[in-house]
Amino acid sequence: MDSNAGLGLGLVLPDSELKRMRNVMYEMATDAYKQAGKGQQFGEYLNKSEAAKYLHVSNATLTQFISEGLPIIVIGNIQRISKKACDEFYQQHQL
């Protein structure tokens, strides 16, 4: 079967070039996905779920970070974590 079938471009490319094009397209899509994630909007103070997303960790890991010193703000039953505290926590644990 011709590996160029289904492209609809009327071009015939060697398999090595098709593979290279696929790799480039995959890398571009991956980079776009990462950039879209960075563009996520968060307020100054995050609930635990938002903080976990901001830090790119699971809720369980966030709980571990809190036990290791990530400060939280508690007002009544409301718990918030500042983005600044998250950034500083990461900086303090940078090797």
N, C-alpha and C. Protein backbone atom coordinates (compact mmCIF):
# COMPACT_ATOMS: atom_id res chain seq x y z
N MET A 1 0.84 -1.18 0.00
CA MET A 1 0.00 0.00 0.00
C MET A 1 0.88 1.24 0.00
N ASP A 2 0.51 2.22 -0.77
CA ASP A 2 1.27 3.45 -0.87
C ASP A 2 1.08 4.26 0.42
N SER A 3 2.19 4.60 1.09
CA SER A 3 2.10 5.33 2.36
C SER A 3 1.67 6.77 2.14
N ASN A 4 1.62 7.24 0.87
CA ASN A 4 1.17 8.60 0.58
C ASN A 4 -0.33 8.66 0.35
N ALA A 5 -1.00 7.53 0.30
CA ALA A 5 -2.44 7.50 0.05
C ALA A 5 -3.17 8.22 1.18
N GLY A 6 -4.18 8.95 0.82
CA GLY A 6 -5.00 9.62 1.80
C GLY A 6 -4.56 11.04 2.12
N LEU A 7 -3.40 11.47 1.61
CA LEU A 7 -2.97 12.83 1.85
C LEU A 7 -3.76 13.82 0.99
N GLY A 8 -4.20 13.37 -0.18
CA GLY A 8 -4.99 14.23 -1.05
C GLY A 8 -4.19 15.38 -1.64
N LEU A 9 -2.88 15.30 -1.61
CA LEU A 9 -2.05 16.39 -2.12
C LEU A 9 -1.51 16.11 -3.51
N GLY A 10 -1.60 14.91 -3.96
CA GLY A 10 -1.06 14.56 -5.25
C GLY A 10 0.46 14.52 -5.25
N LEU A 11 1.07 14.49 -4.09
CA LEU A 11 2.52 14.43 -3.98
C LEU A 11 2.94 13.02 -3.61
N VAL A 12 4.10 12.66 -4.09
CA VAL A 12 4.66 11.38 -3.70
C VAL A 12 5.98 11.69 -2.98
N LEU A 13 5.99 11.34 -1.71
CA LEU A 13 7.17 11.62 -0.89
C LEU A 13 7.74 10.30 -0.37
N PRO A 14 9.04 10.26 -0.21
CA PRO A 14 9.65 9.07 0.37
C PRO A 14 9.16 8.89 1.82
N ASP A 15 9.13 7.66 2.25
CA ASP A 15 8.68 7.37 3.61
C ASP A 15 9.49 8.14 4.66
N SER A 16 10.76 8.33 4.42
CA SER A 16 11.60 9.06 5.39
C SER A 16 11.13 10.50 5.53
N GLU A 17 10.70 11.12 4.44
CA GLU A 17 10.20 12.50 4.51
C GLU A 17 8.84 12.56 5.18
N LEU A 18 8.00 11.57 4.93
CA LEU A 18 6.70 11.52 5.61
C LEU A 18 6.88 11.37 7.11
N LYS A 19 7.82 10.53 7.49
CA LYS A 19 8.10 10.33 8.91
C LYS A 19 8.60 11.63 9.53
N ARG A 20 9.48 12.32 8.83
CA ARG A 20 10.01 13.59 9.33
C ARG A 20 8.89 14.62 9.47
N MET A 21 7.99 14.68 8.49
CA MET A 21 6.85 15.62 8.56
C MET A 21 5.94 15.28 9.74
N ARG A 22 5.68 14.00 9.94
CA ARG A 22 4.85 13.60 11.08
C ARG A 22 5.49 14.02 12.40
N ASN A 23 6.80 13.83 12.51
CA ASN A 23 7.51 14.21 13.73
C ASN A 23 7.44 15.72 13.97
N VAL A 24 7.62 16.49 12.92
CA VAL A 24 7.55 17.95 13.04
C VAL A 24 6.14 18.37 13.45
N MET A 25 5.13 17.79 12.84
CA MET A 25 3.75 18.13 13.18
C MET A 25 3.43 17.74 14.61
N TYR A 26 3.93 16.59 15.05
CA TYR A 26 3.71 16.14 16.42
C TYR A 26 4.36 17.12 17.41
N GLU A 27 5.60 17.52 17.12
CA GLU A 27 6.29 18.47 17.99
C GLU A 27 5.56 19.81 18.05
N MET A 28 5.05 20.27 16.92
CA MET A 28 4.31 21.54 16.89
C MET A 28 3.02 21.44 17.70
N ALA A 29 2.32 20.33 17.58
CA ALA A 29 1.08 20.14 18.33
C ALA A 29 1.38 20.06 19.82
N THR A 30 2.43 19.36 20.19
CA THR A 30 2.82 19.24 21.59
C THR A 30 3.18 20.61 22.16
N ASP A 31 3.95 21.39 21.43
CA ASP A 31 4.32 22.72 21.89
C ASP A 31 3.09 23.61 22.05
N ALA A 32 2.16 23.53 21.10
CA ALA A 32 0.93 24.33 21.19
C ALA A 32 0.12 23.95 22.41
N TYR A 33 0.04 22.66 22.70
CA TYR A 33 -0.69 22.18 23.88
C TYR A 33 -0.05 22.72 25.16
N LYS A 34 1.27 22.68 25.22
CA LYS A 34 1.97 23.18 26.41
C LYS A 34 1.75 24.68 26.57
N GLN A 35 1.82 25.42 25.48
CA GLN A 35 1.62 26.86 25.54
C GLN A 35 0.19 27.20 25.97
N ALA A 36 -0.78 26.43 25.50
CA ALA A 36 -2.17 26.66 25.89
C ALA A 36 -2.34 26.45 27.38
N GLY A 37 -1.69 25.45 27.93
CA GLY A 37 -1.76 25.20 29.37
C GLY A 37 -1.14 26.32 30.18
N LYS A 38 -0.06 26.91 29.67
CA LYS A 38 0.57 28.02 30.37
C LYS A 38 -0.33 29.25 30.38
N GLY A 39 -1.18 29.36 29.39
CA GLY A 39 -2.05 30.51 29.29
C GLY A 39 -3.28 30.43 30.17
N GLN A 40 -3.41 29.35 30.93
CA GLN A 40 -4.56 29.20 31.81
C GLN A 40 -4.59 30.36 32.79
N GLN A 41 -5.76 30.95 32.97
CA GLN A 41 -5.92 32.09 33.85
C GLN A 41 -6.27 31.65 35.26
N PHE A 42 -5.52 32.14 36.23
CA PHE A 42 -5.78 31.86 37.63
C PHE A 42 -5.80 33.19 38.36
N GLY A 43 -6.65 33.28 39.37
CA GLY A 43 -6.66 34.45 40.22
C GLY A 43 -5.45 34.45 41.13
N GLU A 44 -5.32 35.49 41.96
CA GLU A 44 -4.18 35.59 42.88
C GLU A 44 -4.23 34.50 43.94
N TYR A 45 -5.45 34.16 44.40
CA TYR A 45 -5.61 33.14 45.44
C TYR A 45 -6.36 31.95 44.87
N LEU A 46 -5.81 30.76 45.09
CA LEU A 46 -6.31 29.55 44.47
C LEU A 46 -6.92 28.61 45.50
N ASN A 47 -8.00 27.92 45.11
CA ASN A 47 -8.45 26.83 45.96
C ASN A 47 -7.50 25.66 45.73
N LYS A 48 -7.67 24.58 46.46
CA LYS A 48 -6.71 23.48 46.37
C LYS A 48 -6.67 22.85 44.97
N SER A 49 -7.81 22.71 44.36
CA SER A 49 -7.86 22.13 43.02
C SER A 49 -7.13 23.01 42.01
N GLU A 50 -7.37 24.32 42.09
CA GLU A 50 -6.68 25.26 41.19
C GLU A 50 -5.18 25.28 41.46
N ALA A 51 -4.81 25.22 42.73
CA ALA A 51 -3.39 25.22 43.08
C ALA A 51 -2.69 23.99 42.52
N ALA A 52 -3.34 22.84 42.60
CA ALA A 52 -2.76 21.62 42.04
C ALA A 52 -2.56 21.76 40.53
N LYS A 53 -3.55 22.33 39.85
CA LYS A 53 -3.42 22.55 38.41
C LYS A 53 -2.31 23.55 38.12
N TYR A 54 -2.26 24.62 38.89
CA TYR A 54 -1.23 25.66 38.69
C TYR A 54 0.17 25.07 38.85
N LEU A 55 0.32 24.17 39.83
CA LEU A 55 1.62 23.56 40.09
C LEU A 55 1.88 22.32 39.23
N HIS A 56 0.87 21.90 38.47
CA HIS A 56 0.97 20.71 37.62
C HIS A 56 1.25 19.45 38.45
N VAL A 57 0.50 19.31 39.55
CA VAL A 57 0.63 18.13 40.41
C VAL A 57 -0.75 17.59 40.75
N SER A 58 -0.79 16.41 41.31
CA SER A 58 -2.06 15.83 41.75
C SER A 58 -2.49 16.48 43.07
N ASN A 59 -3.73 16.26 43.45
CA ASN A 59 -4.22 16.77 44.74
C ASN A 59 -3.44 16.15 45.89
N ALA A 60 -3.09 14.87 45.77
CA ALA A 60 -2.32 14.19 46.82
C ALA A 60 -0.94 14.83 46.97
N THR A 61 -0.31 15.17 45.87
CA THR A 61 1.01 15.81 45.93
C THR A 61 0.88 17.21 46.54
N LEU A 62 -0.18 17.92 46.20
CA LEU A 62 -0.40 19.24 46.80
C LEU A 62 -0.52 19.11 48.32
N THR A 63 -1.25 18.12 48.79
CA THR A 63 -1.38 17.89 50.23
C THR A 63 -0.01 17.62 50.85
N GLN A 64 0.83 16.90 50.14
CA GLN A 64 2.19 16.65 50.62
C GLN A 64 2.98 17.96 50.67
N PHE A 65 2.84 18.80 49.64
CA PHE A 65 3.52 20.09 49.63
C PHE A 65 3.10 20.93 50.83
N ILE A 66 1.82 20.90 51.16
CA ILE A 66 1.31 21.66 52.31
C ILE A 66 1.95 21.14 53.60
N SER A 67 2.06 19.82 53.72
CA SER A 67 2.68 19.25 54.92
C SER A 67 4.17 19.57 54.98
N GLU A 68 4.77 19.88 53.81
CA GLU A 68 6.19 20.23 53.76
C GLU A 68 6.43 21.73 53.86
N GLY A 69 5.33 22.49 54.06
CA GLY A 69 5.53 23.91 54.32
C GLY A 69 4.88 24.89 53.35
N LEU A 70 4.20 24.41 52.33
CA LEU A 70 3.49 25.33 51.44
C LEU A 70 2.39 26.01 52.26
N PRO A 71 2.47 27.33 52.43
CA PRO A 71 1.49 27.99 53.31
C PRO A 71 0.10 28.08 52.69
N ILE A 72 -0.91 27.92 53.52
CA ILE A 72 -2.29 28.08 53.10
C ILE A 72 -2.93 29.16 53.96
N ILE A 73 -3.92 29.81 53.40
CA ILE A 73 -4.69 30.83 54.10
C ILE A 73 -6.01 30.17 54.49
N VAL A 74 -6.37 30.27 55.76
CA VAL A 74 -7.61 29.67 56.24
C VAL A 74 -8.47 30.76 56.87
N ILE A 75 -9.66 30.93 56.33
CA ILE A 75 -10.65 31.87 56.88
C ILE A 75 -11.94 31.07 57.03
N GLY A 76 -12.28 30.73 58.26
CA GLY A 76 -13.44 29.88 58.48
C GLY A 76 -13.21 28.52 57.84
N ASN A 77 -14.11 28.13 56.95
CA ASN A 77 -13.97 26.85 56.23
C ASN A 77 -13.30 27.01 54.87
N ILE A 78 -12.89 28.22 54.56
CA ILE A 78 -12.29 28.50 53.25
C ILE A 78 -10.78 28.39 53.34
N GLN A 79 -10.20 27.64 52.41
CA GLN A 79 -8.74 27.51 52.34
C GLN A 79 -8.29 28.01 50.97
N ARG A 80 -7.30 28.87 50.97
CA ARG A 80 -6.74 29.38 49.72
C ARG A 80 -5.22 29.33 49.79
N ILE A 81 -4.62 29.27 48.62
CA ILE A 81 -3.17 29.26 48.48
C ILE A 81 -2.82 30.33 47.46
N SER A 82 -1.90 31.20 47.82
CA SER A 82 -1.55 32.27 46.88
C SER A 82 -0.60 31.74 45.80
N LYS A 83 -0.73 32.29 44.61
CA LYS A 83 0.19 31.91 43.52
C LYS A 83 1.62 32.25 43.91
N LYS A 84 1.78 33.39 44.58
CA LYS A 84 3.12 33.80 45.01
C LYS A 84 3.73 32.76 45.93
N ALA A 85 2.92 32.23 46.87
CA ALA A 85 3.42 31.19 47.78
C ALA A 85 3.82 29.93 47.01
N CYS A 86 3.03 29.58 45.98
CA CYS A 86 3.37 28.41 45.15
C CYS A 86 4.70 28.61 44.45
N ASP A 87 4.87 29.79 43.85
CA ASP A 87 6.11 30.08 43.14
C ASP A 87 7.30 30.08 44.09
N GLU A 88 7.13 30.69 45.26
CA GLU A 88 8.22 30.72 46.25
C GLU A 88 8.55 29.32 46.76
N PHE A 89 7.52 28.48 46.95
CA PHE A 89 7.75 27.11 47.41
C PHE A 89 8.61 26.37 46.39
N TYR A 90 8.28 26.51 45.11
CA TYR A 90 9.09 25.86 44.08
C TYR A 90 10.52 26.39 44.07
N GLN A 91 10.67 27.70 44.23
CA GLN A 91 12.01 28.30 44.24
C GLN A 91 12.83 27.76 45.43
N GLN A 92 12.18 27.63 46.58
CA GLN A 92 12.88 27.14 47.77
C GLN A 92 13.33 25.69 47.62
N HIS A 93 12.66 24.94 46.77
CA HIS A 93 12.98 23.53 46.61
C HIS A 93 13.74 23.24 45.32
N GLN A 94 14.20 24.29 44.70
CA GLN A 94 14.99 24.12 43.46
C GLN A 94 16.37 23.60 43.82
N LEU A 95 16.83 22.61 43.08
CA LEU A 95 18.15 22.03 43.34
C LEU A 95 19.22 22.80 42.63
